[in-house]
Amino acid sequence: MRAAIDTRLARELEDFGLLTPRNEAGEKRYSELEADIALACGRLAQYGIAPRHLRAFRTAADREAGLIDQIVGPALRARNPERRRAGIEELEVLAELAAELSQLLSWRALRRLAST
């Protein structure tokens, strides 16, 4: 894995649902996105943050995706190609807006920590 994390950490990340490898010919393979996730988790591990503590990030992401799915899911599952394309466009917009809100809320909470 290009993320350069050890196998123990990779196994823990898998156990806590932070990494989801695919199986190809009996070997675990990670997508580029999975490698980026592993890299971020590895960097956080350098600060003593264990994979079990990172589950909160996965849970928040899953909830965010679930909310967006409620809005665009029907369009994404539509048989009409035009409706599916519109759903994908809505998905992209909503994902950007949700990421922006999440980052802003995190910054606000962290600023509170710094001011106490």
C-alpha atoms as a PDB file:
ATOM      1  CA  MET A   1       0.000   0.000   0.000  1.00  0.00           C
ATOM      2  CA  ARG A   2       1.418   3.369  -0.956  1.00  0.00           C
ATOM      3  CA  ALA A   3       0.219   4.882   2.336  1.00  0.00           C
ATOM      4  CA  ALA A   4       3.220   3.263   4.041  1.00  0.00           C
ATOM      5  CA  ILE A   5       1.376   2.074   7.122  1.00  0.00           C
ATOM      6  CA  ASP A   6       2.235  -1.187   8.783  1.00  0.00           C
ATOM      7  CA  THR A   7       0.068  -4.271   8.396  1.00  0.00           C
ATOM      8  CA  ARG A   8      -1.049  -4.134  12.032  1.00  0.00           C
ATOM      9  CA  LEU A   9      -2.494  -0.644  11.554  1.00  0.00           C
ATOM     10  CA  ALA A  10      -4.075  -1.642   8.239  1.00  0.00           C
ATOM     11  CA  ARG A  11      -5.726  -4.634   9.931  1.00  0.00           C
ATOM     12  CA  GLU A  12      -7.061  -2.445  12.751  1.00  0.00           C
ATOM     13  CA  LEU A  13      -8.387   0.093  10.254  1.00  0.00           C
ATOM     14  CA  GLU A  14     -10.174  -2.734   8.454  1.00  0.00           C
ATOM     15  CA  ASP A  15     -11.565  -4.086  11.735  1.00  0.00           C
ATOM     16  CA  PHE A  16     -13.070  -0.695  12.559  1.00  0.00           C
ATOM     17  CA  GLY A  17     -14.484  -0.225   9.063  1.00  0.00           C
ATOM     18  CA  LEU A  18     -12.141   2.569   8.069  1.00  0.00           C
ATOM     19  CA  LEU A  19     -10.526   0.600   5.231  1.00  0.00           C
ATOM     20  CA  THR A  20     -12.401  -1.684   2.883  1.00  0.00           C
ATOM     21  CA  PRO A  21     -10.052  -3.599   0.602  1.00  0.00           C
ATOM     22  CA  ARG A  22     -11.285  -5.625  -2.321  1.00  0.00           C
ATOM     23  CA  ASN A  23     -10.166  -9.197  -2.820  1.00  0.00           C
ATOM     24  CA  GLU A  24      -8.408 -10.021  -6.084  1.00  0.00           C
ATOM     25  CA  ALA A  25      -7.137 -13.561  -6.542  1.00  0.00           C
ATOM     26  CA  GLY A  26      -6.950 -14.042  -2.787  1.00  0.00           C
ATOM     27  CA  GLU A  27      -4.994 -10.843  -2.176  1.00  0.00           C
ATOM     28  CA  LYS A  28      -6.184  -7.644  -0.569  1.00  0.00           C
ATOM     29  CA  ARG A  29      -6.122  -4.669  -2.912  1.00  0.00           C
ATOM     30  CA  TYR A  30      -6.784  -1.071  -1.973  1.00  0.00           C
ATOM     31  CA  SER A  31      -8.125   1.628  -4.249  1.00  0.00           C
ATOM     32  CA  GLU A  32      -6.418   4.997  -4.437  1.00  0.00           C
ATOM     33  CA  LEU A  33      -9.117   6.435  -2.172  1.00  0.00           C
ATOM     34  CA  GLU A  34      -8.524   3.667   0.385  1.00  0.00           C
ATOM     35  CA  ALA A  35      -4.793   4.423   0.267  1.00  0.00           C
ATOM     36  CA  ASP A  36      -5.513   8.111   0.910  1.00  0.00           C
ATOM     37  CA  ILE A  37      -7.710   7.150   3.875  1.00  0.00           C
ATOM     38  CA  ALA A  38      -4.961   4.880   5.202  1.00  0.00           C
ATOM     39  CA  LEU A  39      -2.427   7.690   4.844  1.00  0.00           C
ATOM     40  CA  ALA A  40      -4.629  10.120   6.796  1.00  0.00           C
ATOM     41  CA  CYS A  41      -5.250   7.506   9.500  1.00  0.00           C
ATOM     42  CA  GLY A  42      -1.533   6.743   9.663  1.00  0.00           C
ATOM     43  CA  ARG A  43      -0.727  10.398  10.138  1.00  0.00           C
ATOM     44  CA  LEU A  44      -3.299  10.649  12.934  1.00  0.00           C
ATOM     45  CA  ALA A  45      -1.818   7.507  14.516  1.00  0.00           C
ATOM     46  CA  GLN A  46       1.484   9.376  14.808  1.00  0.00           C
ATOM     47  CA  TYR A  47      -0.307  11.620  17.299  1.00  0.00           C
ATOM     48  CA  GLY A  48      -1.510   8.633  19.294  1.00  0.00           C
ATOM     49  CA  ILE A  49      -5.006   8.493  17.829  1.00  0.00           C
ATOM     50  CA  ALA A  50      -6.001   4.832  17.612  1.00  0.00           C
ATOM     51  CA  PRO A  51      -8.281   3.411  14.907  1.00  0.00           C
ATOM     52  CA  ARG A  52     -11.031   2.785  17.458  1.00  0.00           C
ATOM     53  CA  HIS A  53     -11.177   6.546  18.034  1.00  0.00           C
ATOM     54  CA  LEU A  54     -11.429   7.205  14.302  1.00  0.00           C
ATOM     55  CA  ARG A  55     -14.722   5.328  14.064  1.00  0.00           C
ATOM     56  CA  ALA A  56     -16.446   8.609  14.914  1.00  0.00           C
ATOM     57  CA  PHE A  57     -15.257  10.025  11.578  1.00  0.00           C
ATOM     58  CA  ARG A  58     -16.556   6.984   9.703  1.00  0.00           C
ATOM     59  CA  THR A  59     -19.872   7.134  11.533  1.00  0.00           C
ATOM     60  CA  ALA A  60     -20.274  10.839  10.755  1.00  0.00           C
ATOM     61  CA  ALA A  61     -19.433  10.228   7.082  1.00  0.00           C
ATOM     62  CA  ASP A  62     -21.917   7.354   6.904  1.00  0.00           C
ATOM     63  CA  ARG A  63     -24.664   9.508   8.411  1.00  0.00           C
ATOM     64  CA  GLU A  64     -23.886  12.351   6.030  1.00  0.00           C
ATOM     65  CA  ALA A  65     -23.979   9.974   3.063  1.00  0.00           C
ATOM     66  CA  GLY A  66     -27.257   8.519   4.316  1.00  0.00           C
ATOM     67  CA  LEU A  67     -28.842  11.945   4.460  1.00  0.00           C
ATOM     68  CA  ILE A  68     -27.679  12.798   0.954  1.00  0.00           C
ATOM     69  CA  ASP A  69     -28.882   9.389  -0.266  1.00  0.00           C
ATOM     70  CA  GLN A  70     -32.379  10.195   0.979  1.00  0.00           C
ATOM     71  CA  ILE A  71     -32.359  13.247  -1.267  1.00  0.00           C
ATOM     72  CA  VAL A  72     -30.687  11.977  -4.445  1.00  0.00           C
ATOM     73  CA  GLY A  73     -30.960   8.203  -4.077  1.00  0.00           C
ATOM     74  CA  PRO A  74     -34.170   7.861  -6.082  1.00  0.00           C
ATOM     75  CA  ALA A  75     -32.625   9.769  -8.995  1.00  0.00           C
ATOM     76  CA  LEU A  76     -29.427   7.714  -8.835  1.00  0.00           C
ATOM     77  CA  ARG A  77     -31.455   4.506  -9.035  1.00  0.00           C
ATOM     78  CA  ALA A  78     -33.720   5.782 -11.834  1.00  0.00           C
ATOM     79  CA  ARG A  79     -33.726   3.952 -15.145  1.00  0.00           C
ATOM     80  CA  ASN A  80     -33.978   7.201 -17.089  1.00  0.00           C
ATOM     81  CA  PRO A  81     -30.395   8.206 -18.012  1.00  0.00           C
ATOM     82  CA  GLU A  82     -31.249  11.905 -17.926  1.00  0.00           C
ATOM     83  CA  ARG A  83     -32.683  11.601 -14.406  1.00  0.00           C
ATOM     84  CA  ARG A  84     -29.606   9.638 -13.290  1.00  0.00           C
ATOM     85  CA  ARG A  85     -27.299  12.338 -14.704  1.00  0.00           C
ATOM     86  CA  ALA A  86     -29.268  14.995 -12.834  1.00  0.00           C
ATOM     87  CA  GLY A  87     -28.988  12.883  -9.672  1.00  0.00           C
ATOM     88  CA  ILE A  88     -25.221  12.641 -10.065  1.00  0.00           C
ATOM     89  CA  GLU A  89     -24.980  16.414 -10.505  1.00  0.00           C
ATOM     90  CA  GLU A  90     -27.090  16.940  -7.364  1.00  0.00           C
ATOM     91  CA  LEU A  91     -24.923  14.422  -5.519  1.00  0.00           C
ATOM     92  CA  GLU A  92     -21.770  16.338  -6.416  1.00  0.00           C
ATOM     93  CA  VAL A  93     -23.238  19.677  -5.314  1.00  0.00           C
ATOM     94  CA  LEU A  94     -24.617  18.273  -2.068  1.00  0.00           C
ATOM     95  CA  ALA A  95     -21.338  16.488  -1.298  1.00  0.00           C
ATOM     96  CA  GLU A  96     -19.390  19.736  -1.697  1.00  0.00           C
ATOM     97  CA  LEU A  97     -21.846  21.672   0.453  1.00  0.00           C
ATOM     98  CA  ALA A  98     -21.846  18.984   3.146  1.00  0.00           C
ATOM     99  CA  ALA A  99     -18.032  18.872   3.195  1.00  0.00           C
ATOM    100  CA  GLU A 100     -17.897  22.650   3.507  1.00  0.00           C
ATOM    101  CA  LEU A 101     -20.379  22.667   6.382  1.00  0.00           C
ATOM    102  CA  SER A 102     -18.573  19.839   8.138  1.00  0.00           C
ATOM    103  CA  GLN A 103     -15.239  21.642   7.876  1.00  0.00           C
ATOM    104  CA  LEU A 104     -16.716  24.928   9.107  1.00  0.00           C
ATOM    105  CA  LEU A 105     -18.369  23.258  12.085  1.00  0.00           C
ATOM    106  CA  SER A 106     -15.101  21.502  12.932  1.00  0.00           C
ATOM    107  CA  TRP A 107     -13.151  24.751  12.763  1.00  0.00           C
ATOM    108  CA  ARG A 108     -15.683  26.439  15.033  1.00  0.00           C
ATOM    109  CA  ALA A 109     -15.415  23.642  17.601  1.00  0.00           C
ATOM    110  CA  LEU A 110     -11.609  23.652  17.442  1.00  0.00           C
ATOM    111  CA  ARG A 111     -11.457  27.414  17.858  1.00  0.00           C
ATOM    112  CA  ARG A 112     -13.491  27.010  21.033  1.00  0.00           C
ATOM    113  CA  LEU A 113     -10.847  24.590  22.305  1.00  0.00           C
ATOM    114  CA  ALA A 114      -8.104  27.077  21.563  1.00  0.00           C
ATOM    115  CA  SER A 115      -9.904  29.917  23.341  1.00  0.00           C
ATOM    116  CA  THR A 116     -10.511  28.081  26.617  1.00  0.00           C
END
